[in-house]
Amino acid sequence: MTRRELYSALSDEQKRLHDYLEENGRSVFLFKQDGEICAEVEDWTDRGVNMIITLMPFSFDELQSYYDGFDIDEEIDLHRQDERYRKAFRISHSVSDFENWGTALERLICNYNGKVA
């Protein structure tokens, strides 16, 4: 399916989420798996780390679950396996970068729900 066909197949709530994410600087790449529309949401930390959130299926509940399970220590451990990352980032930079990204994701989620974070 093309991007347009996938977007057309979204429910109204999924379209609202898709549009909200893109309006707020995230890129949303839709795909179909096991008969469900899913998405990869691409975002970047302030220091340029590419963060890809896979939502299967594409829904706000899945985004909330990702945020609830986001662990800064695990994320740093994962990225520090890459030698280029280790050379570019001190651990203190990593902590600050991922904390800021987590806070921005929390704000994005809260604002989507109509709450101010």
C-alpha atoms as a PDB file:
ATOM      1  CA  MET A   1       0.000   0.000   0.000  1.00  0.00           C
ATOM      2  CA  THR A   2       1.138   3.526  -0.673  1.00  0.00           C
ATOM      3  CA  ARG A   3       1.533   6.148   2.028  1.00  0.00           C
ATOM      4  CA  ARG A   4      -1.690   7.813   0.870  1.00  0.00           C
ATOM      5  CA  GLU A   5      -3.606   4.517   0.917  1.00  0.00           C
ATOM      6  CA  LEU A   6      -2.356   3.719   4.413  1.00  0.00           C
ATOM      7  CA  TYR A   7      -3.304   7.182   5.652  1.00  0.00           C
ATOM      8  CA  SER A   8      -6.782   6.841   4.101  1.00  0.00           C
ATOM      9  CA  ALA A   9      -7.247   3.531   5.918  1.00  0.00           C
ATOM     10  CA  LEU A  10      -6.581   5.099   9.335  1.00  0.00           C
ATOM     11  CA  SER A  11      -9.432   5.648  11.753  1.00  0.00           C
ATOM     12  CA  ASP A  12     -10.282   9.242  12.618  1.00  0.00           C
ATOM     13  CA  GLU A  13      -8.410   8.884  15.928  1.00  0.00           C
ATOM     14  CA  GLN A  14      -5.335   7.492  14.169  1.00  0.00           C
ATOM     15  CA  LYS A  15      -5.427  10.358  11.650  1.00  0.00           C
ATOM     16  CA  ARG A  16      -5.634  12.829  14.533  1.00  0.00           C
ATOM     17  CA  LEU A  17      -2.585  11.237  16.189  1.00  0.00           C
ATOM     18  CA  HIS A  18      -0.675  11.051  12.891  1.00  0.00           C
ATOM     19  CA  ASP A  19      -1.337  14.696  12.086  1.00  0.00           C
ATOM     20  CA  TYR A  20      -0.536  15.821  15.638  1.00  0.00           C
ATOM     21  CA  LEU A  21       2.813  14.016  15.634  1.00  0.00           C
ATOM     22  CA  GLU A  22       3.806  15.439  12.263  1.00  0.00           C
ATOM     23  CA  GLU A  23       2.656  18.947  13.199  1.00  0.00           C
ATOM     24  CA  ASN A  24       4.946  18.651  16.213  1.00  0.00           C
ATOM     25  CA  GLY A  25       8.074  17.779  14.260  1.00  0.00           C
ATOM     26  CA  ARG A  26       7.940  13.989  14.270  1.00  0.00           C
ATOM     27  CA  SER A  27       8.002  11.932  11.081  1.00  0.00           C
ATOM     28  CA  VAL A  28       5.443   9.133  10.895  1.00  0.00           C
ATOM     29  CA  PHE A  29       6.065   6.178   8.575  1.00  0.00           C
ATOM     30  CA  LEU A  30       3.018   3.938   8.269  1.00  0.00           C
ATOM     31  CA  PHE A  31       3.158   0.253   7.395  1.00  0.00           C
ATOM     32  CA  LYS A  32       0.827  -2.714   7.561  1.00  0.00           C
ATOM     33  CA  GLN A  33       1.655  -5.850   9.516  1.00  0.00           C
ATOM     34  CA  ASP A  34      -0.620  -8.779  10.332  1.00  0.00           C
ATOM     35  CA  GLY A  35      -3.599  -6.831   8.987  1.00  0.00           C
ATOM     36  CA  GLU A  36      -3.020  -3.834  11.259  1.00  0.00           C
ATOM     37  CA  ILE A  37      -1.693  -0.400  10.438  1.00  0.00           C
ATOM     38  CA  CYS A  38       1.459   0.258  12.422  1.00  0.00           C
ATOM     39  CA  ALA A  39       3.953   3.104  12.434  1.00  0.00           C
ATOM     40  CA  GLU A  40       7.503   4.094  13.076  1.00  0.00           C
ATOM     41  CA  VAL A  41       7.701   7.551  14.600  1.00  0.00           C
ATOM     42  CA  GLU A  42      11.052   9.212  14.052  1.00  0.00           C
ATOM     43  CA  ASP A  43      12.317  11.879  16.383  1.00  0.00           C
ATOM     44  CA  TRP A  44      15.716  13.274  17.381  1.00  0.00           C
ATOM     45  CA  THR A  45      17.223  14.178  20.722  1.00  0.00           C
ATOM     46  CA  ASP A  46      18.705  17.651  21.146  1.00  0.00           C
ATOM     47  CA  ARG A  47      22.196  16.202  20.571  1.00  0.00           C
ATOM     48  CA  GLY A  48      21.158  14.419  17.373  1.00  0.00           C
ATOM     49  CA  VAL A  49      20.398  10.852  18.438  1.00  0.00           C
ATOM     50  CA  ASN A  50      17.830   9.320  16.082  1.00  0.00           C
ATOM     51  CA  MET A  51      14.954   7.908  18.131  1.00  0.00           C
ATOM     52  CA  ILE A  52      12.558   5.559  16.374  1.00  0.00           C
ATOM     53  CA  ILE A  53       9.410   4.538  18.195  1.00  0.00           C
ATOM     54  CA  THR A  54       7.659   1.523  16.691  1.00  0.00           C
ATOM     55  CA  LEU A  55       3.929   1.473  17.405  1.00  0.00           C
ATOM     56  CA  MET A  56       2.203  -1.833  16.680  1.00  0.00           C
ATOM     57  CA  PRO A  57      -0.612  -1.090  16.172  1.00  0.00           C
ATOM     58  CA  PHE A  58      -0.519   2.642  15.537  1.00  0.00           C
ATOM     59  CA  SER A  59      -2.388   4.110  18.487  1.00  0.00           C
ATOM     60  CA  PHE A  60      -2.081   6.601  21.293  1.00  0.00           C
ATOM     61  CA  ASP A  61      -2.194   3.738  23.819  1.00  0.00           C
ATOM     62  CA  GLU A  62       0.913   2.215  22.201  1.00  0.00           C
ATOM     63  CA  LEU A  63       2.681   5.586  22.341  1.00  0.00           C
ATOM     64  CA  GLN A  64       1.760   5.916  26.011  1.00  0.00           C
ATOM     65  CA  SER A  65       3.026   2.367  26.657  1.00  0.00           C
ATOM     66  CA  TYR A  66       6.324   3.205  24.968  1.00  0.00           C
ATOM     67  CA  TYR A  67       6.710   6.279  27.158  1.00  0.00           C
ATOM     68  CA  ASP A  68       5.760   4.353  30.311  1.00  0.00           C
ATOM     69  CA  GLY A  69       8.419   1.755  29.528  1.00  0.00           C
ATOM     70  CA  PHE A  70      11.132   4.184  28.426  1.00  0.00           C
ATOM     71  CA  ASP A  71      14.238   3.596  30.530  1.00  0.00           C
ATOM     72  CA  ILE A  72      17.077   6.096  30.222  1.00  0.00           C
ATOM     73  CA  ASP A  73      19.653   3.638  31.565  1.00  0.00           C
ATOM     74  CA  GLU A  74      18.685   1.000  28.993  1.00  0.00           C
ATOM     75  CA  GLU A  75      18.753   3.577  26.198  1.00  0.00           C
ATOM     76  CA  ILE A  76      22.225   4.763  27.185  1.00  0.00           C
ATOM     77  CA  ASP A  77      23.487   1.181  27.480  1.00  0.00           C
ATOM     78  CA  LEU A  78      22.133   0.406  24.025  1.00  0.00           C
ATOM     79  CA  HIS A  79      23.728   3.436  22.382  1.00  0.00           C
ATOM     80  CA  ARG A  80      27.046   3.094  24.192  1.00  0.00           C
ATOM     81  CA  GLN A  81      27.581  -0.233  22.429  1.00  0.00           C
ATOM     82  CA  ASP A  82      28.399   1.857  19.350  1.00  0.00           C
ATOM     83  CA  GLU A  83      31.999   3.083  19.419  1.00  0.00           C
ATOM     84  CA  ARG A  84      31.134   6.259  17.497  1.00  0.00           C
ATOM     85  CA  TYR A  85      28.505   7.125  20.078  1.00  0.00           C
ATOM     86  CA  ARG A  86      30.941   6.510  22.966  1.00  0.00           C
ATOM     87  CA  LYS A  87      33.471   8.842  21.335  1.00  0.00           C
ATOM     88  CA  ALA A  88      30.883  11.552  20.708  1.00  0.00           C
ATOM     89  CA  PHE A  89      29.036  11.489  24.042  1.00  0.00           C
ATOM     90  CA  ARG A  90      30.191  11.544  27.622  1.00  0.00           C
ATOM     91  CA  ILE A  91      27.829   9.662  29.934  1.00  0.00           C
ATOM     92  CA  SER A  92      26.708  12.929  31.530  1.00  0.00           C
ATOM     93  CA  HIS A  93      25.775  14.237  28.058  1.00  0.00           C
ATOM     94  CA  SER A  94      23.813  11.057  27.376  1.00  0.00           C
ATOM     95  CA  VAL A  95      21.878  11.320  30.629  1.00  0.00           C
ATOM     96  CA  SER A  96      20.980  14.944  30.009  1.00  0.00           C
ATOM     97  CA  ASP A  97      20.079  14.325  26.358  1.00  0.00           C
ATOM     98  CA  PHE A  98      17.765  11.386  27.057  1.00  0.00           C
ATOM     99  CA  GLU A  99      16.195  13.073  30.091  1.00  0.00           C
ATOM    100  CA  ASN A 100      15.370  16.085  27.929  1.00  0.00           C
ATOM    101  CA  TRP A 101      13.998  13.847  25.189  1.00  0.00           C
ATOM    102  CA  GLY A 102      11.849  11.945  27.690  1.00  0.00           C
ATOM    103  CA  THR A 103      10.503  15.210  29.065  1.00  0.00           C
ATOM    104  CA  ALA A 104       9.680  16.412  25.539  1.00  0.00           C
ATOM    105  CA  LEU A 105       7.879  13.127  24.822  1.00  0.00           C
ATOM    106  CA  GLU A 106       5.921  13.475  28.064  1.00  0.00           C
ATOM    107  CA  ARG A 107       4.934  17.033  27.102  1.00  0.00           C
ATOM    108  CA  LEU A 108       3.884  15.840  23.636  1.00  0.00           C
ATOM    109  CA  ILE A 109       1.678  13.128  25.154  1.00  0.00           C
ATOM    110  CA  CYS A 110       0.153  15.450  27.748  1.00  0.00           C
ATOM    111  CA  ASN A 111      -0.599  18.130  25.173  1.00  0.00           C
ATOM    112  CA  TYR A 112      -2.258  15.547  22.933  1.00  0.00           C
ATOM    113  CA  ASN A 113      -4.568  14.708  25.807  1.00  0.00           C
ATOM    114  CA  GLY A 114      -5.349  18.385  26.321  1.00  0.00           C
ATOM    115  CA  LYS A 115      -3.265  18.713  29.457  1.00  0.00           C
ATOM    116  CA  VAL A 116      -0.458  21.189  29.846  1.00  0.00           C
ATOM    117  CA  ALA A 117       2.865  19.678  30.948  1.00  0.00           C
END
